[in-house]
Each structure stands twice: as structure tokens, then as C-alpha cells.
Amino acid sequence: RWKVSDPNAEGEEGVPVRSVTLSPDGRTATVRF
């Protein structure tokens, strides 16, 4: 596994979640990173 921020560095990275909203019917979660 290679980091997205540095293609020459091994590992995975966290992608911060900024906000989550829910559709009016409550079924679709829009997860913004």
C-alpha cells in the first residue's frame, strides 16, 4: 500500500470527514470529506 500524499511512502492514510447530511427520506447519507 502506497500513500496518496507521497507515492514513494508505504502505508494508508486517513481521509477526514468534514460533514454528513441525510436526504429528506432518511435513506441517503452524503459523507463529505
PDB file of all heavy atoms in Angstrom:
ATOM      1  N   ARG A   1       0.852  -1.182   0.000  1.00  0.00           N
ATOM      2  CA  ARG A   1       0.000   0.000   0.000  1.00  0.00           C
ATOM      3  C   ARG A   1       0.893   1.239   0.000  1.00  0.00           C
ATOM      4  O   ARG A   1       1.848   1.331   0.767  1.00  0.00           O
ATOM      5  CB  ARG A   1      -0.926  -0.008   1.207  1.00  0.00           C
ATOM      6  CG  ARG A   1      -1.841  -1.232   1.209  1.00  0.00           C
ATOM      7  CD  ARG A   1      -2.785  -1.263   2.377  1.00  0.00           C
ATOM      8  NE  ARG A   1      -3.574  -2.488   2.326  1.00  0.00           N
ATOM      9  CZ  ARG A   1      -4.617  -2.743   3.096  1.00  0.00           C
ATOM     10  NH1 ARG A   1      -5.005  -1.852   3.999  1.00  0.00           N
ATOM     11  NH2 ARG A   1      -5.278  -3.874   2.981  1.00  0.00           N
ATOM     12  N   TRP A   2       0.526   2.177  -0.869  1.00  0.00           N
ATOM     13  CA  TRP A   2       1.331   3.388  -1.023  1.00  0.00           C
ATOM     14  C   TRP A   2       0.474   4.605  -0.734  1.00  0.00           C
ATOM     15  O   TRP A   2      -0.673   4.704  -1.180  1.00  0.00           O
ATOM     16  CB  TRP A   2       1.922   3.454  -2.431  1.00  0.00           C
ATOM     17  CG  TRP A   2       2.823   2.283  -2.710  1.00  0.00           C
ATOM     18  CD1 TRP A   2       2.477   1.094  -3.273  1.00  0.00           C
ATOM     19  CD2 TRP A   2       4.218   2.176  -2.387  1.00  0.00           C
ATOM     20  NE1 TRP A   2       3.548   0.246  -3.341  1.00  0.00           N
ATOM     21  CE2 TRP A   2       4.644   0.882  -2.810  1.00  0.00           C
ATOM     22  CE3 TRP A   2       5.137   3.036  -1.808  1.00  0.00           C
ATOM     23  CZ2 TRP A   2       5.956   0.443  -2.654  1.00  0.00           C
ATOM     24  CZ3 TRP A   2       6.454   2.603  -1.645  1.00  0.00           C
ATOM     25  CH2 TRP A   2       6.850   1.324  -2.068  1.00  0.00           C
ATOM     26  N   LYS A   3       1.043   5.542   0.010  1.00  0.00           N
ATOM     27  CA  LYS A   3       0.293   6.716   0.438  1.00  0.00           C
ATOM     28  C   LYS A   3      -0.117   7.576  -0.751  1.00  0.00           C
ATOM     29  O   LYS A   3       0.643   7.732  -1.709  1.00  0.00           O
ATOM     30  CB  LYS A   3       1.128   7.549   1.410  1.00  0.00           C
ATOM     31  CG  LYS A   3       1.347   6.877   2.758  1.00  0.00           C
ATOM     32  CD  LYS A   3       2.091   7.785   3.714  1.00  0.00           C
ATOM     33  CE  LYS A   3       2.237   7.127   5.083  1.00  0.00           C
ATOM     34  NZ  LYS A   3       2.956   8.013   6.037  1.00  0.00           N
ATOM     35  N   VAL A   4      -1.305   8.128  -0.654  1.00  0.00           N
ATOM     36  CA  VAL A   4      -1.806   9.019  -1.688  1.00  0.00           C
ATOM     37  C   VAL A   4      -1.006  10.329  -1.692  1.00  0.00           C
ATOM     38  O   VAL A   4      -0.722  10.897  -2.743  1.00  0.00           O
ATOM     39  CB  VAL A   4      -3.309   9.289  -1.480  1.00  0.00           C
ATOM     40  CG1 VAL A   4      -3.839  10.278  -2.513  1.00  0.00           C
ATOM     41  CG2 VAL A   4      -4.096   7.981  -1.541  1.00  0.00           C
ATOM     42  N   SER A   5      -0.612  10.785  -0.526  1.00  0.00           N
ATOM     43  CA  SER A   5       0.117  12.057  -0.421  1.00  0.00           C
ATOM     44  C   SER A   5       1.564  11.939  -0.869  1.00  0.00           C
ATOM     45  O   SER A   5       2.179  12.938  -1.258  1.00  0.00           O
ATOM     46  CB  SER A   5       0.075  12.567   1.019  1.00  0.00           C
ATOM     47  OG  SER A   5       0.746  11.659   1.881  1.00  0.00           O
ATOM     48  N   ASP A   6       2.118  10.723  -0.810  1.00  0.00           N
ATOM     49  CA  ASP A   6       3.512  10.502  -1.194  1.00  0.00           C
ATOM     50  C   ASP A   6       3.624   9.125  -1.829  1.00  0.00           C
ATOM     51  O   ASP A   6       3.690   8.109  -1.115  1.00  0.00           O
ATOM     52  CB  ASP A   6       4.423  10.600   0.030  1.00  0.00           C
ATOM     53  CG  ASP A   6       5.901  10.449  -0.327  1.00  0.00           C
ATOM     54  OD1 ASP A   6       6.210  10.169  -1.508  1.00  0.00           O
ATOM     55  OD2 ASP A   6       6.738  10.610   0.569  1.00  0.00           O
ATOM     56  N   PRO A   7       3.663   9.037  -3.161  1.00  0.00           N
ATOM     57  CA  PRO A   7       3.675   7.740  -3.849  1.00  0.00           C
ATOM     58  C   PRO A   7       4.871   6.868  -3.505  1.00  0.00           C
ATOM     59  O   PRO A   7       4.865   5.675  -3.811  1.00  0.00           O
ATOM     60  CB  PRO A   7       3.688   8.132  -5.330  1.00  0.00           C
ATOM     61  CG  PRO A   7       3.168   9.521  -5.375  1.00  0.00           C
ATOM     62  CD  PRO A   7       3.611  10.164  -4.107  1.00  0.00           C
ATOM     63  N   ASN A   8       5.890   7.428  -2.880  1.00  0.00           N
ATOM     64  CA  ASN A   8       7.080   6.661  -2.532  1.00  0.00           C
ATOM     65  C   ASN A   8       7.107   6.236  -1.067  1.00  0.00           C
ATOM     66  O   ASN A   8       8.088   5.650  -0.608  1.00  0.00           O
ATOM     67  CB  ASN A   8       8.340   7.482  -2.840  1.00  0.00           C
ATOM     68  CG  ASN A   8       8.489   7.727  -4.336  1.00  0.00           C
ATOM     69  OD1 ASN A   8       8.332   6.810  -5.137  1.00  0.00           O
ATOM     70  ND2 ASN A   8       8.775   8.968  -4.706  1.00  0.00           N
ATOM     71  N   ALA A   9       6.037   6.532  -0.346  1.00  0.00           N
ATOM     72  CA  ALA A   9       5.945   6.158   1.065  1.00  0.00           C
ATOM     73  C   ALA A   9       4.887   5.074   1.245  1.00  0.00           C
ATOM     74  O   ALA A   9       3.773   5.182   0.733  1.00  0.00           O
ATOM     75  CB  ALA A   9       5.601   7.372   1.922  1.00  0.00           C
ATOM     76  N   GLU A  10       5.261   4.029   1.984  1.00  0.00           N
ATOM     77  CA  GLU A  10       4.318   2.945   2.214  1.00  0.00           C
ATOM     78  C   GLU A  10       3.272   3.343   3.255  1.00  0.00           C
ATOM     79  O   GLU A  10       3.540   4.142   4.145  1.00  0.00           O
ATOM     80  CB  GLU A  10       5.049   1.700   2.705  1.00  0.00           C
ATOM     81  CG  GLU A  10       5.942   1.045   1.671  1.00  0.00           C
ATOM     82  CD  GLU A  10       6.588  -0.216   2.215  1.00  0.00           C
ATOM     83  OE1 GLU A  10       5.955  -0.881   3.066  1.00  0.00           O
ATOM     84  OE2 GLU A  10       7.721  -0.521   1.812  1.00  0.00           O
ATOM     85  N   GLY A  11       2.086   2.743   3.105  1.00  0.00           N
ATOM     86  CA  GLY A  11       1.061   2.916   4.122  1.00  0.00           C
ATOM     87  C   GLY A  11      -0.232   3.479   3.579  1.00  0.00           C
ATOM     88  O   GLY A  11      -0.334   3.845   2.409  1.00  0.00           O
ATOM     89  N   GLU A  12      -1.231   3.539   4.450  1.00  0.00           N
ATOM     90  CA  GLU A  12      -2.513   4.139   4.116  1.00  0.00           C
ATOM     91  C   GLU A  12      -2.711   5.374   4.973  1.00  0.00           C
ATOM     92  O   GLU A  12      -2.048   5.541   5.991  1.00  0.00           O
ATOM     93  CB  GLU A  12      -3.644   3.139   4.320  1.00  0.00           C
ATOM     94  CG  GLU A  12      -3.721   2.564   5.723  1.00  0.00           C
ATOM     95  CD  GLU A  12      -4.717   1.426   5.824  1.00  0.00           C
ATOM     96  OE1 GLU A  12      -4.492   0.366   5.203  1.00  0.00           O
ATOM     97  OE2 GLU A  12      -5.726   1.613   6.532  1.00  0.00           O
ATOM     98  N   GLU A  13      -3.641   6.209   4.555  1.00  0.00           N
ATOM     99  CA  GLU A  13      -3.847   7.478   5.246  1.00  0.00           C
ATOM    100  C   GLU A  13      -5.321   7.694   5.530  1.00  0.00           C
ATOM    101  O   GLU A  13      -6.185   7.286   4.743  1.00  0.00           O
ATOM    102  CB  GLU A  13      -3.334   8.638   4.385  1.00  0.00           C
ATOM    103  CG  GLU A  13      -1.844   8.567   4.101  1.00  0.00           C
ATOM    104  CD  GLU A  13      -1.427   9.565   3.037  1.00  0.00           C
ATOM    105  OE1 GLU A  13      -1.846   9.408   1.873  1.00  0.00           O
ATOM    106  OE2 GLU A  13      -0.695  10.501   3.381  1.00  0.00           O
ATOM    107  N   GLY A  14      -5.591   8.373   6.634  1.00  0.00           N
ATOM    108  CA  GLY A  14      -6.960   8.748   6.946  1.00  0.00           C
ATOM    109  C   GLY A  14      -7.423   9.896   6.079  1.00  0.00           C
ATOM    110  O   GLY A  14      -6.629  10.756   5.678  1.00  0.00           O
ATOM    111  N   VAL A  15      -8.707   9.897   5.765  1.00  0.00           N
ATOM    112  CA  VAL A  15      -9.319  10.980   4.994  1.00  0.00           C
ATOM    113  C   VAL A  15     -10.358  11.617   5.915  1.00  0.00           C
ATOM    114  O   VAL A  15     -11.408  11.021   6.182  1.00  0.00           O
ATOM    115  CB  VAL A  15      -9.977  10.462   3.700  1.00  0.00           C
ATOM    116  CG1 VAL A  15     -10.376  11.633   2.805  1.00  0.00           C
ATOM    117  CG2 VAL A  15      -9.061   9.507   2.954  1.00  0.00           C
ATOM    118  N   PRO A  16     -10.108  12.800   6.422  1.00  0.00           N
ATOM    119  CA  PRO A  16     -11.017  13.398   7.403  1.00  0.00           C
ATOM    120  C   PRO A  16     -12.426  13.599   6.850  1.00  0.00           C
ATOM    121  O   PRO A  16     -12.607  14.041   5.715  1.00  0.00           O
ATOM    122  CB  PRO A  16     -10.356  14.746   7.716  1.00  0.00           C
ATOM    123  CG  PRO A  16      -8.915  14.568   7.351  1.00  0.00           C
ATOM    124  CD  PRO A  16      -8.913  13.635   6.184  1.00  0.00           C
ATOM    125  N   VAL A  17     -13.404  13.269   7.681  1.00  0.00           N
ATOM    126  CA  VAL A  17     -14.807  13.506   7.336  1.00  0.00           C
ATOM    127  C   VAL A  17     -15.173  14.911   7.800  1.00  0.00           C
ATOM    128  O   VAL A  17     -15.025  15.253   8.978  1.00  0.00           O
ATOM    129  CB  VAL A  17     -15.724  12.468   8.007  1.00  0.00           C
ATOM    130  CG1 VAL A  17     -17.187  12.762   7.682  1.00  0.00           C
ATOM    131  CG2 VAL A  17     -15.347  11.064   7.558  1.00  0.00           C
ATOM    132  N   ARG A  18     -15.655  15.721   6.872  1.00  0.00           N
ATOM    133  CA  ARG A  18     -15.971  17.120   7.170  1.00  0.00           C
ATOM    134  C   ARG A  18     -17.407  17.282   7.651  1.00  0.00           C
ATOM    135  O   ARG A  18     -17.689  18.037   8.582  1.00  0.00           O
ATOM    136  CB  ARG A  18     -15.730  17.975   5.923  1.00  0.00           C
ATOM    137  CG  ARG A  18     -15.802  19.473   6.165  1.00  0.00           C
ATOM    138  CD  ARG A  18     -15.396  20.224   4.906  1.00  0.00           C
ATOM    139  NE  ARG A  18     -16.318  19.942   3.805  1.00  0.00           N
ATOM    140  CZ  ARG A  18     -16.099  20.283   2.544  1.00  0.00           C
ATOM    141  NH1 ARG A  18     -14.970  20.888   2.217  1.00  0.00           N
ATOM    142  NH2 ARG A  18     -16.991  20.019   1.606  1.00  0.00           N
ATOM    143  N   SER A  19     -18.337  16.592   7.003  1.00  0.00           N
ATOM    144  CA  SER A  19     -19.746  16.701   7.411  1.00  0.00           C
ATOM    145  C   SER A  19     -20.516  15.532   6.821  1.00  0.00           C
ATOM    146  O   SER A  19     -20.066  14.867   5.870  1.00  0.00           O
ATOM    147  CB  SER A  19     -20.363  18.017   6.914  1.00  0.00           C
ATOM    148  OG  SER A  19     -20.447  18.035   5.501  1.00  0.00           O
ATOM    149  N   VAL A  20     -21.691  15.282   7.388  1.00  0.00           N
ATOM    150  CA  VAL A  20     -22.599  14.258   6.869  1.00  0.00           C
ATOM    151  C   VAL A  20     -24.008  14.830   6.884  1.00  0.00           C
ATOM    152  O   VAL A  20     -24.459  15.364   7.903  1.00  0.00           O
ATOM    153  CB  VAL A  20     -22.564  12.968   7.714  1.00  0.00           C
ATOM    154  CG1 VAL A  20     -23.443  11.899   7.065  1.00  0.00           C
ATOM    155  CG2 VAL A  20     -21.142  12.468   7.890  1.00  0.00           C
ATOM    156  N   THR A  21     -24.687  14.723   5.769  1.00  0.00           N
ATOM    157  CA  THR A  21     -26.095  15.142   5.695  1.00  0.00           C
ATOM    158  C   THR A  21     -26.945  13.973   5.261  1.00  0.00           C
ATOM    159  O   THR A  21     -26.454  13.013   4.643  1.00  0.00           O
ATOM    160  CB  THR A  21     -26.268  16.316   4.714  1.00  0.00           C
ATOM    161  OG1 THR A  21     -25.792  15.928   3.408  1.00  0.00           O
ATOM    162  CG2 THR A  21     -25.491  17.540   5.175  1.00  0.00           C
ATOM    163  N   LEU A  22     -28.215  14.070   5.570  1.00  0.00           N
ATOM    164  CA  LEU A  22     -29.151  12.986   5.278  1.00  0.00           C
ATOM    165  C   LEU A  22     -30.237  13.502   4.352  1.00  0.00           C
ATOM    166  O   LEU A  22     -30.734  14.628   4.503  1.00  0.00           O
ATOM    167  CB  LEU A  22     -29.756  12.474   6.582  1.00  0.00           C
ATOM    168  CG  LEU A  22     -30.262  11.028   6.645  1.00  0.00           C
ATOM    169  CD1 LEU A  22     -29.162  10.039   6.283  1.00  0.00           C
ATOM    170  CD2 LEU A  22     -30.802  10.728   8.044  1.00  0.00           C
ATOM    171  N   SER A  23     -30.628  12.700   3.384  1.00  0.00           N
ATOM    172  CA  SER A  23     -31.679  13.075   2.445  1.00  0.00           C
ATOM    173  C   SER A  23     -33.022  13.167   3.173  1.00  0.00           C
ATOM    174  O   SER A  23     -33.189  12.614   4.266  1.00  0.00           O
ATOM    175  CB  SER A  23     -31.771  12.047   1.317  1.00  0.00           C
ATOM    176  OG  SER A  23     -32.090  10.769   1.845  1.00  0.00           O
ATOM    177  N   PRO A  24     -34.009  13.874   2.587  1.00  0.00           N
ATOM    178  CA  PRO A  24     -35.312  14.018   3.256  1.00  0.00           C
ATOM    179  C   PRO A  24     -35.965  12.697   3.627  1.00  0.00           C
ATOM    180  O   PRO A  24     -36.662  12.617   4.650  1.00  0.00           O
ATOM    181  CB  PRO A  24     -36.144  14.791   2.229  1.00  0.00           C
ATOM    182  CG  PRO A  24     -35.129  15.583   1.456  1.00  0.00           C
ATOM    183  CD  PRO A  24     -33.929  14.696   1.355  1.00  0.00           C
ATOM    184  N   ASP A  25     -35.734  11.640   2.809  1.00  0.00           N
ATOM    185  CA  ASP A  25     -36.348  10.350   3.144  1.00  0.00           C
ATOM    186  C   ASP A  25     -35.505   9.553   4.131  1.00  0.00           C
ATOM    187  O   ASP A  25     -35.883   8.447   4.546  1.00  0.00           O
ATOM    188  CB  ASP A  25     -36.612   9.521   1.889  1.00  0.00           C
ATOM    189  CG  ASP A  25     -35.347   9.101   1.156  1.00  0.00           C
ATOM    190  OD1 ASP A  25     -34.227   9.437   1.624  1.00  0.00           O
ATOM    191  OD2 ASP A  25     -35.458   8.442   0.099  1.00  0.00           O
ATOM    192  N   GLY A  26     -34.354  10.088   4.520  1.00  0.00           N
ATOM    193  CA  GLY A  26     -33.517   9.454   5.529  1.00  0.00           C
ATOM    194  C   GLY A  26     -32.685   8.289   5.040  1.00  0.00           C
ATOM    195  O   GLY A  26     -31.981   7.661   5.837  1.00  0.00           O
ATOM    196  N   ARG A  27     -32.708   8.017   3.751  1.00  0.00           N
ATOM    197  CA  ARG A  27     -32.038   6.814   3.259  1.00  0.00           C
ATOM    198  C   ARG A  27     -30.649   7.074   2.675  1.00  0.00           C
ATOM    199  O   ARG A  27     -29.825   6.149   2.618  1.00  0.00           O
ATOM    200  CB  ARG A  27     -32.907   6.135   2.200  1.00  0.00           C
ATOM    201  CG  ARG A  27     -34.217   5.570   2.747  1.00  0.00           C
ATOM    202  CD  ARG A  27     -35.039   4.914   1.650  1.00  0.00           C
ATOM    203  NE  ARG A  27     -34.249   3.910   0.971  1.00  0.00           N
ATOM    204  CZ  ARG A  27     -34.143   3.810  -0.357  1.00  0.00           C
ATOM    205  NH1 ARG A  27     -34.751   4.693  -1.139  1.00  0.00           N
ATOM    206  NH2 ARG A  27     -33.408   2.856  -0.898  1.00  0.00           N
ATOM    207  N   THR A  28     -30.365   8.278   2.209  1.00  0.00           N
ATOM    208  CA  THR A  28     -29.087   8.567   1.571  1.00  0.00           C
ATOM    209  C   THR A  28     -28.245   9.486   2.448  1.00  0.00           C
ATOM    210  O   THR A  28     -28.633  10.611   2.753  1.00  0.00           O
ATOM    211  CB  THR A  28     -29.281   9.213   0.191  1.00  0.00           C
ATOM    212  OG1 THR A  28     -30.007   8.318  -0.648  1.00  0.00           O
ATOM    213  CG2 THR A  28     -27.934   9.510  -0.453  1.00  0.00           C
ATOM    214  N   ALA A  29     -27.077   8.972   2.826  1.00  0.00           N
ATOM    215  CA  ALA A  29     -26.118   9.756   3.609  1.00  0.00           C
ATOM    216  C   ALA A  29     -25.067  10.319   2.659  1.00  0.00           C
ATOM    217  O   ALA A  29     -24.435   9.564   1.913  1.00  0.00           O
ATOM    218  CB  ALA A  29     -25.465   8.895   4.671  1.00  0.00           C
ATOM    219  N   THR A  30     -24.896  11.626   2.656  1.00  0.00           N
ATOM    220  CA  THR A  30     -23.862  12.282   1.861  1.00  0.00           C
ATOM    221  C   THR A  30     -22.700  12.601   2.787  1.00  0.00           C
ATOM    222  O   THR A  30     -22.791  13.501   3.635  1.00  0.00           O
ATOM    223  CB  THR A  30     -24.402  13.558   1.200  1.00  0.00           C
ATOM    224  OG1 THR A  30     -25.481  13.203   0.323  1.00  0.00           O
ATOM    225  CG2 THR A  30     -23.306  14.237   0.389  1.00  0.00           C
ATOM    226  N   VAL A  31     -21.631  11.842   2.643  1.00  0.00           N
ATOM    227  CA  VAL A  31     -20.470  11.953   3.520  1.00  0.00           C
ATOM    228  C   VAL A  31     -19.425  12.809   2.811  1.00  0.00           C
ATOM    229  O   VAL A  31     -18.841  12.401   1.805  1.00  0.00           O
ATOM    230  CB  VAL A  31     -19.893  10.570   3.854  1.00  0.00           C
ATOM    231  CG1 VAL A  31     -18.789  10.688   4.905  1.00  0.00           C
ATOM    232  CG2 VAL A  31     -20.987   9.614   4.321  1.00  0.00           C
ATOM    233  N   ARG A  32     -19.219  14.020   3.328  1.00  0.00           N
ATOM    234  CA  ARG A  32     -18.267  14.953   2.706  1.00  0.00           C
ATOM    235  C   ARG A  32     -16.917  14.868   3.413  1.00  0.00           C
ATOM    236  O   ARG A  32     -16.827  14.958   4.631  1.00  0.00           O
ATOM    237  CB  ARG A  32     -18.805  16.379   2.754  1.00  0.00           C
ATOM    238  CG  ARG A  32     -20.116  16.541   2.011  1.00  0.00           C
ATOM    239  CD  ARG A  32     -20.523  17.983   1.803  1.00  0.00           C
ATOM    240  NE  ARG A  32     -21.802  18.044   1.110  1.00  0.00           N
ATOM    241  CZ  ARG A  32     -21.948  17.929  -0.202  1.00  0.00           C
ATOM    242  NH1 ARG A  32     -20.863  17.756  -0.957  1.00  0.00           N
ATOM    243  NH2 ARG A  32     -23.137  17.982  -0.760  1.00  0.00           N
ATOM    244  N   PHE A  33     -15.894  14.688   2.589  1.00  0.00           N
ATOM    245  CA  PHE A  33     -14.534  14.573   3.105  1.00  0.00           C
ATOM    246  C   PHE A  33     -13.782  15.882   2.852  1.00  0.00           C
ATOM    247  O   PHE A  33     -14.220  16.739   2.085  1.00  0.00           O
ATOM    248  CB  PHE A  33     -13.815  13.408   2.430  1.00  0.00           C
ATOM    249  CG  PHE A  33     -14.420  12.059   2.768  1.00  0.00           C
ATOM    250  CD1 PHE A  33     -15.467  11.538   2.023  1.00  0.00           C
ATOM    251  CD2 PHE A  33     -13.942  11.335   3.853  1.00  0.00           C
ATOM    252  CE1 PHE A  33     -16.021  10.304   2.332  1.00  0.00           C
ATOM    253  CE2 PHE A  33     -14.497  10.108   4.179  1.00  0.00           C
ATOM    254  CZ  PHE A  33     -15.535   9.590   3.425  1.00  0.00           C
TER     255      PHE A  33
END
